[in-house]
Amino acid sequence: MGLWAFIVAGLAVAAWGLVSWVSPSTSCRGVEMGPGDTCEYASLTDESAGRVQRYEDRIEVARQQAPFAVAAGLGMVVFGAALARRPVTGAATSDRR
């Protein structure tokens, strides 16, 4: 069952990446952004860094990163399928002494 769960997880990652690629969304500190919105960078101490990123910039970055999620998911599927097709070996099935 564990190997099939690996394959299903890979399919989920690939699907998530595909959806993110086709219809990306972005937020700024938990608030959904829309066209024309901007988001100011903040440091870990919530101090203003003075750098601003536009909605369009964030969507472009999301679209550039999505193919890696699709590739990672498909890689998980291929790896899981290869492991699932491998013959079971172990102490109980071995003829070695």
PDB file of N, CA and C in Angstrom:
ATOM      1  N   MET A   1       0.825  -1.197   0.000  1.00  0.00           N
ATOM      2  CA  MET A   1       0.000   0.000   0.000  1.00  0.00           C
ATOM      3  C   MET A   1       0.864   1.254   0.000  1.00  0.00           C
ATOM      4  N   GLY A   2       2.024   1.213   0.675  1.00  0.00           N
ATOM      5  CA  GLY A   2       2.877   2.386   0.791  1.00  0.00           C
ATOM      6  C   GLY A   2       3.367   2.911  -0.550  1.00  0.00           C
ATOM      7  N   LEU A   3       3.713   2.005  -1.467  1.00  0.00           N
ATOM      8  CA  LEU A   3       4.199   2.445  -2.771  1.00  0.00           C
ATOM      9  C   LEU A   3       3.086   3.086  -3.585  1.00  0.00           C
ATOM     10  N   TRP A   4       1.882   2.568  -3.466  1.00  0.00           N
ATOM     11  CA  TRP A   4       0.752   3.169  -4.179  1.00  0.00           C
ATOM     12  C   TRP A   4       0.441   4.544  -3.616  1.00  0.00           C
ATOM     13  N   ALA A   5       0.605   4.716  -2.319  1.00  0.00           N
ATOM     14  CA  ALA A   5       0.406   6.036  -1.718  1.00  0.00           C
ATOM     15  C   ALA A   5       1.444   7.017  -2.268  1.00  0.00           C
ATOM     16  N   PHE A   6       2.658   6.550  -2.506  1.00  0.00           N
ATOM     17  CA  PHE A   6       3.708   7.386  -3.092  1.00  0.00           C
ATOM     18  C   PHE A   6       3.300   7.833  -4.495  1.00  0.00           C
ATOM     19  N   ILE A   7       2.721   6.919  -5.264  1.00  0.00           N
ATOM     20  CA  ILE A   7       2.263   7.237  -6.620  1.00  0.00           C
ATOM     21  C   ILE A   7       1.114   8.236  -6.569  1.00  0.00           C
ATOM     22  N   VAL A   8       0.164   8.016  -5.674  1.00  0.00           N
ATOM     23  CA  VAL A   8      -0.975   8.930  -5.537  1.00  0.00           C
ATOM     24  C   VAL A   8      -0.492  10.315  -5.103  1.00  0.00           C
ATOM     25  N   ALA A   9       0.452  10.366  -4.177  1.00  0.00           N
ATOM     26  CA  ALA A   9       1.006  11.656  -3.745  1.00  0.00           C
ATOM     27  C   ALA A   9       1.700  12.357  -4.914  1.00  0.00           C
ATOM     28  N   GLY A  10       2.407  11.609  -5.729  1.00  0.00           N
ATOM     29  CA  GLY A  10       3.054  12.185  -6.910  1.00  0.00           C
ATOM     30  C   GLY A  10       2.049  12.759  -7.885  1.00  0.00           C
ATOM     31  N   LEU A  11       0.950  12.044  -8.091  1.00  0.00           N
ATOM     32  CA  LEU A  11      -0.117  12.558  -8.956  1.00  0.00           C
ATOM     33  C   LEU A  11      -0.709  13.843  -8.388  1.00  0.00           C
ATOM     34  N   ALA A  12      -0.877  13.890  -7.067  1.00  0.00           N
ATOM     35  CA  ALA A  12      -1.427  15.091  -6.422  1.00  0.00           C
ATOM     36  C   ALA A  12      -0.479  16.277  -6.586  1.00  0.00           C
ATOM     37  N   VAL A  13       0.813  16.051  -6.408  1.00  0.00           N
ATOM     38  CA  VAL A  13       1.798  17.130  -6.572  1.00  0.00           C
ATOM     39  C   VAL A  13       1.799  17.624  -8.020  1.00  0.00           C
ATOM     40  N   ALA A  14       1.761  16.701  -8.977  1.00  0.00           N
ATOM     41  CA  ALA A  14       1.744  17.088 -10.390  1.00  0.00           C
ATOM     42  C   ALA A  14       0.473  17.861 -10.729  1.00  0.00           C
ATOM     43  N   ALA A  15      -0.666  17.417 -10.207  1.00  0.00           N
ATOM     44  CA  ALA A  15      -1.932  18.117 -10.460  1.00  0.00           C
ATOM     45  C   ALA A  15      -1.908  19.517  -9.855  1.00  0.00           C
ATOM     46  N   TRP A  16      -1.389  19.626  -8.625  1.00  0.00           N
ATOM     47  CA  TRP A  16      -1.290  20.936  -7.976  1.00  0.00           C
ATOM     48  C   TRP A  16      -0.396  21.866  -8.795  1.00  0.00           C
ATOM     49  N   GLY A  17       0.725  21.356  -9.277  1.00  0.00           N
ATOM     50  CA  GLY A  17       1.625  22.159 -10.101  1.00  0.00           C
ATOM     51  C   GLY A  17       0.972  22.594 -11.397  1.00  0.00           C
ATOM     52  N   LEU A  18       0.202  21.697 -12.010  1.00  0.00           N
ATOM     53  CA  LEU A  18      -0.482  22.027 -13.259  1.00  0.00           C
ATOM     54  C   LEU A  18      -1.533  23.108 -13.037  1.00  0.00           C
ATOM     55  N   VAL A  19      -2.306  22.992 -11.973  1.00  0.00           N
ATOM     56  CA  VAL A  19      -3.317  24.009 -11.655  1.00  0.00           C
ATOM     57  C   VAL A  19      -2.643  25.344 -11.361  1.00  0.00           C
ATOM     58  N   SER A  20      -1.539  25.319 -10.628  1.00  0.00           N
ATOM     59  CA  SER A  20      -0.808  26.549 -10.317  1.00  0.00           C
ATOM     60  C   SER A  20      -0.215  27.178 -11.573  1.00  0.00           C
ATOM     61  N   TRP A  21       0.139  26.359 -12.525  1.00  0.00           N
ATOM     62  CA  TRP A  21       0.709  26.847 -13.776  1.00  0.00           C
ATOM     63  C   TRP A  21      -0.364  27.519 -14.623  1.00  0.00           C
ATOM     64  N   VAL A  22      -1.531  26.882 -14.715  1.00  0.00           N
ATOM     65  CA  VAL A  22      -2.618  27.388 -15.551  1.00  0.00           C
ATOM     66  C   VAL A  22      -3.305  28.596 -14.921  1.00  0.00           C
ATOM     67  N   SER A  23      -3.542  28.528 -13.623  1.00  0.00           N
ATOM     68  CA  SER A  23      -4.295  29.578 -12.939  1.00  0.00           C
ATOM     69  C   SER A  23      -3.617  29.940 -11.622  1.00  0.00           C
ATOM     70  N   PRO A  24      -2.479  30.632 -11.690  1.00  0.00           N
ATOM     71  CA  PRO A  24      -1.759  30.949 -10.458  1.00  0.00           C
ATOM     72  C   PRO A  24      -2.480  32.006  -9.631  1.00  0.00           C
ATOM     73  N   SER A  25      -2.249  31.962  -8.350  1.00  0.00           N
ATOM     74  CA  SER A  25      -2.772  32.995  -7.456  1.00  0.00           C
ATOM     75  C   SER A  25      -1.649  33.376  -6.505  1.00  0.00           C
ATOM     76  N   THR A  26      -1.775  34.529  -5.903  1.00  0.00           N
ATOM     77  CA  THR A  26      -0.746  34.983  -4.979  1.00  0.00           C
ATOM     78  C   THR A  26      -1.381  35.816  -3.884  1.00  0.00           C
ATOM     79  N   SER A  27      -0.682  35.886  -2.774  1.00  0.00           N
ATOM     80  CA  SER A  27      -1.183  36.674  -1.650  1.00  0.00           C
ATOM     81  C   SER A  27      -0.039  37.470  -1.049  1.00  0.00           C
ATOM     82  N   CYS A  28      -0.416  38.477  -0.292  1.00  0.00           N
ATOM     83  CA  CYS A  28       0.545  39.313   0.407  1.00  0.00           C
ATOM     84  C   CYS A  28       0.165  39.299   1.877  1.00  0.00           C
ATOM     85  N   ARG A  29       0.965  38.630   2.690  1.00  0.00           N
ATOM     86  CA  ARG A  29       0.705  38.483   4.124  1.00  0.00           C
ATOM     87  C   ARG A  29      -0.701  37.935   4.390  1.00  0.00           C
ATOM     88  N   GLY A  30      -1.083  36.937   3.602  1.00  0.00           N
ATOM     89  CA  GLY A  30      -2.355  36.256   3.814  1.00  0.00           C
ATOM     90  C   GLY A  30      -3.545  36.882   3.116  1.00  0.00           C
ATOM     91  N   VAL A  31      -3.362  38.007   2.442  1.00  0.00           N
ATOM     92  CA  VAL A  31      -4.453  38.677   1.731  1.00  0.00           C
ATOM     93  C   VAL A  31      -4.277  38.424   0.237  1.00  0.00           C
ATOM     94  N   GLU A  32      -5.317  37.879  -0.396  1.00  0.00           N
ATOM     95  CA  GLU A  32      -5.270  37.570  -1.824  1.00  0.00           C
ATOM     96  C   GLU A  32      -5.013  38.844  -2.628  1.00  0.00           C
ATOM     97  N   MET A  33      -4.083  38.755  -3.572  1.00  0.00           N
ATOM     98  CA  MET A  33      -3.758  39.904  -4.419  1.00  0.00           C
ATOM     99  C   MET A  33      -4.498  39.806  -5.739  1.00  0.00           C
ATOM    100  N   GLY A  34      -4.721  40.943  -6.366  1.00  0.00           N
ATOM    101  CA  GLY A  34      -5.354  41.010  -7.674  1.00  0.00           C
ATOM    102  C   GLY A  34      -4.540  41.904  -8.590  1.00  0.00           C
ATOM    103  N   PRO A  35      -4.909  41.962  -9.880  1.00  0.00           N
ATOM    104  CA  PRO A  35      -4.172  42.800 -10.829  1.00  0.00           C
ATOM    105  C   PRO A  35      -4.058  44.242 -10.327  1.00  0.00           C
ATOM    106  N   GLY A  36      -2.857  44.784 -10.429  1.00  0.00           N
ATOM    107  CA  GLY A  36      -2.609  46.153  -9.996  1.00  0.00           C
ATOM    108  C   GLY A  36      -2.179  46.289  -8.544  1.00  0.00           C
ATOM    109  N   ASP A  37      -2.323  45.239  -7.740  1.00  0.00           N
ATOM    110  CA  ASP A  37      -1.929  45.297  -6.331  1.00  0.00           C
ATOM    111  C   ASP A  37      -0.410  45.239  -6.207  1.00  0.00           C
ATOM    112  N   THR A  38       0.082  45.775  -5.103  1.00  0.00           N
ATOM    113  CA  THR A  38       1.504  45.696  -4.787  1.00  0.00           C
ATOM    114  C   THR A  38       1.676  45.143  -3.384  1.00  0.00           C
ATOM    115  N   CYS A  39       2.860  44.611  -3.128  1.00  0.00           N
ATOM    116  CA  CYS A  39       3.172  44.059  -1.814  1.00  0.00           C
ATOM    117  C   CYS A  39       4.569  44.520  -1.434  1.00  0.00           C
ATOM    118  N   GLU A  40       4.690  45.120  -0.269  1.00  0.00           N
ATOM    119  CA  GLU A  40       5.988  45.590   0.204  1.00  0.00           C
ATOM    120  C   GLU A  40       6.666  44.482   0.994  1.00  0.00           C
ATOM    121  N   TYR A  41       7.931  44.244   0.675  1.00  0.00           N
ATOM    122  CA  TYR A  41       8.710  43.259   1.418  1.00  0.00           C
ATOM    123  C   TYR A  41       8.859  43.713   2.856  1.00  0.00           C
ATOM    124  N   ALA A  42       8.863  42.781   3.767  1.00  0.00           N
ATOM    125  CA  ALA A  42       9.117  43.086   5.173  1.00  0.00           C
ATOM    126  C   ALA A  42      10.138  42.084   5.692  1.00  0.00           C
ATOM    127  N   SER A  43      10.923  42.513   6.646  1.00  0.00           N
ATOM    128  CA  SER A  43      11.910  41.624   7.242  1.00  0.00           C
ATOM    129  C   SER A  43      11.229  40.740   8.281  1.00  0.00           C
ATOM    130  N   LEU A  44      11.986  39.844   8.871  1.00  0.00           N
ATOM    131  CA  LEU A  44      11.429  38.970   9.908  1.00  0.00           C
ATOM    132  C   LEU A  44      10.953  39.754  11.127  1.00  0.00           C
ATOM    133  N   THR A  45      11.471  40.965  11.295  1.00  0.00           N
ATOM    134  CA  THR A  45      11.064  41.799  12.437  1.00  0.00           C
ATOM    135  C   THR A  45       9.984  42.802  12.037  1.00  0.00           C
ATOM    136  N   ASP A  46       9.366  42.591  10.866  1.00  0.00           N
ATOM    137  CA  ASP A  46       8.311  43.460  10.330  1.00  0.00           C
ATOM    138  C   ASP A  46       8.775  44.883  10.052  1.00  0.00           C
ATOM    139  N   GLU A  47      10.050  45.071   9.836  1.00  0.00           N
ATOM    140  CA  GLU A  47      10.548  46.384   9.440  1.00  0.00           C
ATOM    141  C   GLU A  47      10.443  46.500   7.925  1.00  0.00           C
ATOM    142  N   SER A  48      10.075  47.661   7.450  1.00  0.00           N
ATOM    143  CA  SER A  48       9.938  47.891   6.020  1.00  0.00           C
ATOM    144  C   SER A  48      11.299  47.795   5.345  1.00  0.00           C
ATOM    145  N   ALA A  49      11.359  47.043   4.266  1.00  0.00           N
ATOM    146  CA  ALA A  49      12.608  46.898   3.518  1.00  0.00           C
ATOM    147  C   ALA A  49      12.662  47.883   2.353  1.00  0.00           C
ATOM    148  N   GLY A  50      11.545  48.528   2.049  1.00  0.00           N
ATOM    149  CA  GLY A  50      11.512  49.500   0.969  1.00  0.00           C
ATOM    150  C   GLY A  50      11.390  48.904  -0.417  1.00  0.00           C
ATOM    151  N   ARG A  51      11.308  47.590  -0.533  1.00  0.00           N
ATOM    152  CA  ARG A  51      11.159  46.934  -1.837  1.00  0.00           C
ATOM    153  C   ARG A  51       9.706  46.554  -2.048  1.00  0.00           C
ATOM    154  N   VAL A  52       9.200  46.830  -3.231  1.00  0.00           N
ATOM    155  CA  VAL A  52       7.801  46.556  -3.553  1.00  0.00           C
ATOM    156  C   VAL A  52       7.751  45.593  -4.729  1.00  0.00           C
ATOM    157  N   GLN A  53       6.845  44.625  -4.650  1.00  0.00           N
ATOM    158  CA  GLN A  53       6.657  43.672  -5.739  1.00  0.00           C
ATOM    159  C   GLN A  53       5.219  43.790  -6.231  1.00  0.00           C
ATOM    160  N   ARG A  54       5.065  43.830  -7.547  1.00  0.00           N
ATOM    161  CA  ARG A  54       3.727  43.936  -8.139  1.00  0.00           C
ATOM    162  C   ARG A  54       3.076  42.552  -8.246  1.00  0.00           C
ATOM    163  N   TYR A  55       1.753  42.552  -8.337  1.00  0.00           N
ATOM    164  CA  TYR A  55       0.980  41.320  -8.532  1.00  0.00           C
ATOM    165  C   TYR A  55       1.496  40.570  -9.759  1.00  0.00           C
ATOM    166  N   GLU A  56       1.707  41.300 -10.840  1.00  0.00           N
ATOM    167  CA  GLU A  56       2.141  40.687 -12.092  1.00  0.00           C
ATOM    168  C   GLU A  56       3.505  40.006 -11.937  1.00  0.00           C
ATOM    169  N   ASP A  57       4.386  40.618 -11.139  1.00  0.00           N
ATOM    170  CA  ASP A  57       5.699  40.008 -10.890  1.00  0.00           C
ATOM    171  C   ASP A  57       5.555  38.691 -10.139  1.00  0.00           C
ATOM    172  N   ARG A  58       4.684  38.691  -9.141  1.00  0.00           N
ATOM    173  CA  ARG A  58       4.496  37.477  -8.330  1.00  0.00           C
ATOM    174  C   ARG A  58       3.856  36.355  -9.148  1.00  0.00           C
ATOM    175  N   ILE A  59       2.915  36.701 -10.017  1.00  0.00           N
ATOM    176  CA  ILE A  59       2.279  35.691 -10.871  1.00  0.00           C
ATOM    177  C   ILE A  59       3.307  35.109 -11.840  1.00  0.00           C
ATOM    178  N   GLU A  60       4.169  35.951 -12.388  1.00  0.00           N
ATOM    179  CA  GLU A  60       5.206  35.473 -13.304  1.00  0.00           C
ATOM    180  C   GLU A  60       6.142  34.490 -12.603  1.00  0.00           C
ATOM    181  N   VAL A  61       6.525  34.794 -11.378  1.00  0.00           N
ATOM    182  CA  VAL A  61       7.386  33.888 -10.608  1.00  0.00           C
ATOM    183  C   VAL A  61       6.666  32.562 -10.362  1.00  0.00           C
ATOM    184  N   ALA A  62       5.377  32.632 -10.024  1.00  0.00           N
ATOM    185  CA  ALA A  62       4.601  31.407  -9.786  1.00  0.00           C
ATOM    186  C   ALA A  62       4.531  30.561 -11.051  1.00  0.00           C
ATOM    187  N   ARG A  63       4.350  31.196 -12.195  1.00  0.00           N
ATOM    188  CA  ARG A  63       4.292  30.459 -13.462  1.00  0.00           C
ATOM    189  C   ARG A  63       5.648  29.846 -13.816  1.00  0.00           C
ATOM    190  N   GLN A  64       6.723  30.498 -13.431  1.00  0.00           N
ATOM    191  CA  GLN A  64       8.051  29.950 -13.709  1.00  0.00           C
ATOM    192  C   GLN A  64       8.365  28.761 -12.807  1.00  0.00           C
ATOM    193  N   GLN A  65       7.813  28.735 -11.596  1.00  0.00           N
ATOM    194  CA  GLN A  65       8.110  27.663 -10.648  1.00  0.00           C
ATOM    195  C   GLN A  65       7.203  26.448 -10.818  1.00  0.00           C
ATOM    196  N   ALA A  66       6.017  26.628 -11.380  1.00  0.00           N
ATOM    197  CA  ALA A  66       5.045  25.539 -11.496  1.00  0.00           C
ATOM    198  C   ALA A  66       5.566  24.332 -12.277  1.00  0.00           C
ATOM    199  N   PRO A  67       6.306  24.502 -13.382  1.00  0.00           N
ATOM    200  CA  PRO A  67       6.797  23.316 -14.098  1.00  0.00           C
ATOM    201  C   PRO A  67       7.659  22.398 -13.232  1.00  0.00           C
ATOM    202  N   PHE A  68       8.362  22.961 -12.259  1.00  0.00           N
ATOM    203  CA  PHE A  68       9.185  22.133 -11.373  1.00  0.00           C
ATOM    204  C   PHE A  68       8.308  21.254 -10.484  1.00  0.00           C
ATOM    205  N   ALA A  69       7.158  21.768 -10.057  1.00  0.00           N
ATOM    206  CA  ALA A  69       6.229  20.963  -9.260  1.00  0.00           C
ATOM    207  C   ALA A  69       5.656  19.830 -10.106  1.00  0.00           C
ATOM    208  N   VAL A  70       5.309  20.135 -11.354  1.00  0.00           N
ATOM    209  CA  VAL A  70       4.792  19.095 -12.254  1.00  0.00           C
ATOM    210  C   VAL A  70       5.861  18.025 -12.470  1.00  0.00           C
ATOM    211  N   ALA A  71       7.089  18.447 -12.735  1.00  0.00           N
ATOM    212  CA  ALA A  71       8.176  17.488 -12.961  1.00  0.00           C
ATOM    213  C   ALA A  71       8.455  16.656 -11.710  1.00  0.00           C
ATOM    214  N   ALA A  72       8.430  17.288 -10.546  1.00  0.00           N
ATOM    215  CA  ALA A  72       8.666  16.552  -9.297  1.00  0.00           C
ATOM    216  C   ALA A  72       7.569  15.519  -9.069  1.00  0.00           C
ATOM    217  N   GLY A  73       6.323  15.902  -9.305  1.00  0.00           N
ATOM    218  CA  GLY A  73       5.210  14.966  -9.135  1.00  0.00           C
ATOM    219  C   GLY A  73       5.305  13.792 -10.089  1.00  0.00           C
ATOM    220  N   LEU A  74       5.609  14.077 -11.347  1.00  0.00           N
ATOM    221  CA  LEU A  74       5.740  12.991 -12.322  1.00  0.00           C
ATOM    222  C   LEU A  74       6.947  12.110 -11.998  1.00  0.00           C
ATOM    223  N   GLY A  75       8.004  12.708 -11.490  1.00  0.00           N
ATOM    224  CA  GLY A  75       9.157  11.921 -11.052  1.00  0.00           C
ATOM    225  C   GLY A  75       8.789  10.978  -9.918  1.00  0.00           C
ATOM    226  N   MET A  76       7.972  11.471  -8.988  1.00  0.00           N
ATOM    227  CA  MET A  76       7.503  10.617  -7.886  1.00  0.00           C
ATOM    228  C   MET A  76       6.676   9.455  -8.426  1.00  0.00           C
ATOM    229  N   VAL A  77       5.825   9.732  -9.413  1.00  0.00           N
ATOM    230  CA  VAL A  77       4.984   8.677 -10.002  1.00  0.00           C
ATOM    231  C   VAL A  77       5.857   7.616 -10.665  1.00  0.00           C
ATOM    232  N   VAL A  78       6.823   8.042 -11.464  1.00  0.00           N
ATOM    233  CA  VAL A  78       7.698   7.095 -12.165  1.00  0.00           C
ATOM    234  C   VAL A  78       8.509   6.276 -11.165  1.00  0.00           C
ATOM    235  N   PHE A  79       9.069   6.936 -10.158  1.00  0.00           N
ATOM    236  CA  PHE A  79       9.857   6.235  -9.147  1.00  0.00           C
ATOM    237  C   PHE A  79       8.987   5.244  -8.373  1.00  0.00           C
ATOM    238  N   GLY A  80       7.802   5.665  -7.969  1.00  0.00           N
ATOM    239  CA  GLY A  80       6.893   4.776  -7.242  1.00  0.00           C
ATOM    240  C   GLY A  80       6.458   3.594  -8.087  1.00  0.00           C
ATOM    241  N   ALA A  81       6.185   3.847  -9.368  1.00  0.00           N
ATOM    242  CA  ALA A  81       5.780   2.759 -10.267  1.00  0.00           C
ATOM    243  C   ALA A  81       6.926   1.772 -10.465  1.00  0.00           C
ATOM    244  N   ALA A  82       8.147   2.278 -10.582  1.00  0.00           N
ATOM    245  CA  ALA A  82       9.302   1.389 -10.740  1.00  0.00           C
ATOM    246  C   ALA A  82       9.480   0.521  -9.499  1.00  0.00           C
ATOM    247  N   LEU A  83       9.301   1.113  -8.334  1.00  0.00           N
ATOM    248  CA  LEU A  83       9.409   0.327  -7.102  1.00  0.00           C
ATOM    249  C   LEU A  83       8.268  -0.676  -6.978  1.00  0.00           C
ATOM    250  N   ALA A  84       7.075  -0.290  -7.385  1.00  0.00           N
ATOM    251  CA  ALA A  84       5.917  -1.181  -7.282  1.00  0.00           C
ATOM    252  C   ALA A  84       6.055  -2.377  -8.223  1.00  0.00           C
ATOM    253  N   ARG A  85       6.707  -2.192  -9.364  1.00  0.00           N
ATOM    254  CA  ARG A  85       6.865  -3.281 -10.328  1.00  0.00           C
ATOM    255  C   ARG A  85       8.025  -4.207  -9.980  1.00  0.00           C
ATOM    256  N   ARG A  86       8.885  -3.769  -9.085  1.00  0.00           N
ATOM    257  CA  ARG A  86      10.054  -4.558  -8.688  1.00  0.00           C
ATOM    258  C   ARG A  86       9.593  -5.821  -7.963  1.00  0.00           C
ATOM    259  N   PRO A  87      10.212  -6.952  -8.243  1.00  0.00           N
ATOM    260  CA  PRO A  87       9.821  -8.174  -7.539  1.00  0.00           C
ATOM    261  C   PRO A  87      10.128  -8.071  -6.044  1.00  0.00           C
ATOM    262  N   VAL A  88       9.258  -8.650  -5.260  1.00  0.00           N
ATOM    263  CA  VAL A  88       9.426  -8.619  -3.806  1.00  0.00           C
ATOM    264  C   VAL A  88      10.536  -9.582  -3.429  1.00  0.00           C
ATOM    265  N   THR A  89      11.509  -9.100  -2.681  1.00  0.00           N
ATOM    266  CA  THR A  89      12.588  -9.954  -2.194  1.00  0.00           C
ATOM    267  C   THR A  89      12.719  -9.746  -0.703  1.00  0.00           C
ATOM    268  N   GLY A  90      13.171 -10.747  -0.046  1.00  0.00           N
ATOM    269  CA  GLY A  90      13.334 -10.647   1.396  1.00  0.00           C
ATOM    270  C   GLY A  90      13.650 -12.004   1.974  1.00  0.00           C
ATOM    271  N   ALA A  91      13.741 -12.078   3.265  1.00  0.00           N
ATOM    272  CA  ALA A  91      14.097 -13.322   3.947  1.00  0.00           C
ATOM    273  C   ALA A  91      13.066 -14.414   3.695  1.00  0.00           C
ATOM    274  N   ALA A  92      11.807 -14.069   3.626  1.00  0.00           N
ATOM    275  CA  ALA A  92      10.756 -15.070   3.464  1.00  0.00           C
ATOM    276  C   ALA A  92      10.732 -15.645   2.052  1.00  0.00           C
ATOM    277  N   THR A  93      11.215 -14.894   1.049  1.00  0.00           N
ATOM    278  CA  THR A  93      11.146 -15.379  -0.326  1.00  0.00           C
ATOM    279  C   THR A  93      12.504 -15.779  -0.881  1.00  0.00           C
ATOM    280  N   SER A  94      13.537 -15.683  -0.085  1.00  0.00           N
ATOM    281  CA  SER A  94      14.883 -15.975  -0.560  1.00  0.00           C
ATOM    282  C   SER A  94      15.191 -17.469  -0.436  1.00  0.00           C
ATOM    283  N   ASP A  95      15.872 -18.000  -1.469  1.00  0.00           N
ATOM    284  CA  ASP A  95      16.309 -19.395  -1.435  1.00  0.00           C
ATOM    285  C   ASP A  95      17.751 -19.499  -0.955  1.00  0.00           C
ATOM    286  N   ARG A  96      18.370 -18.371  -0.672  1.00  0.00           N
ATOM    287  CA  ARG A  96      19.757 -18.386  -0.211  1.00  0.00           C
ATOM    288  C   ARG A  96      19.842 -18.912   1.207  1.00  0.00           C
ATOM    289  N   ARG A  97      20.966 -19.541   1.521  1.00  0.00           N
ATOM    290  CA  ARG A  97      21.175 -20.061   2.882  1.00  0.00           C
ATOM    291  C   ARG A  97      22.327 -19.375   3.525  1.00  0.00           C
TER     292      ARG A  97
END
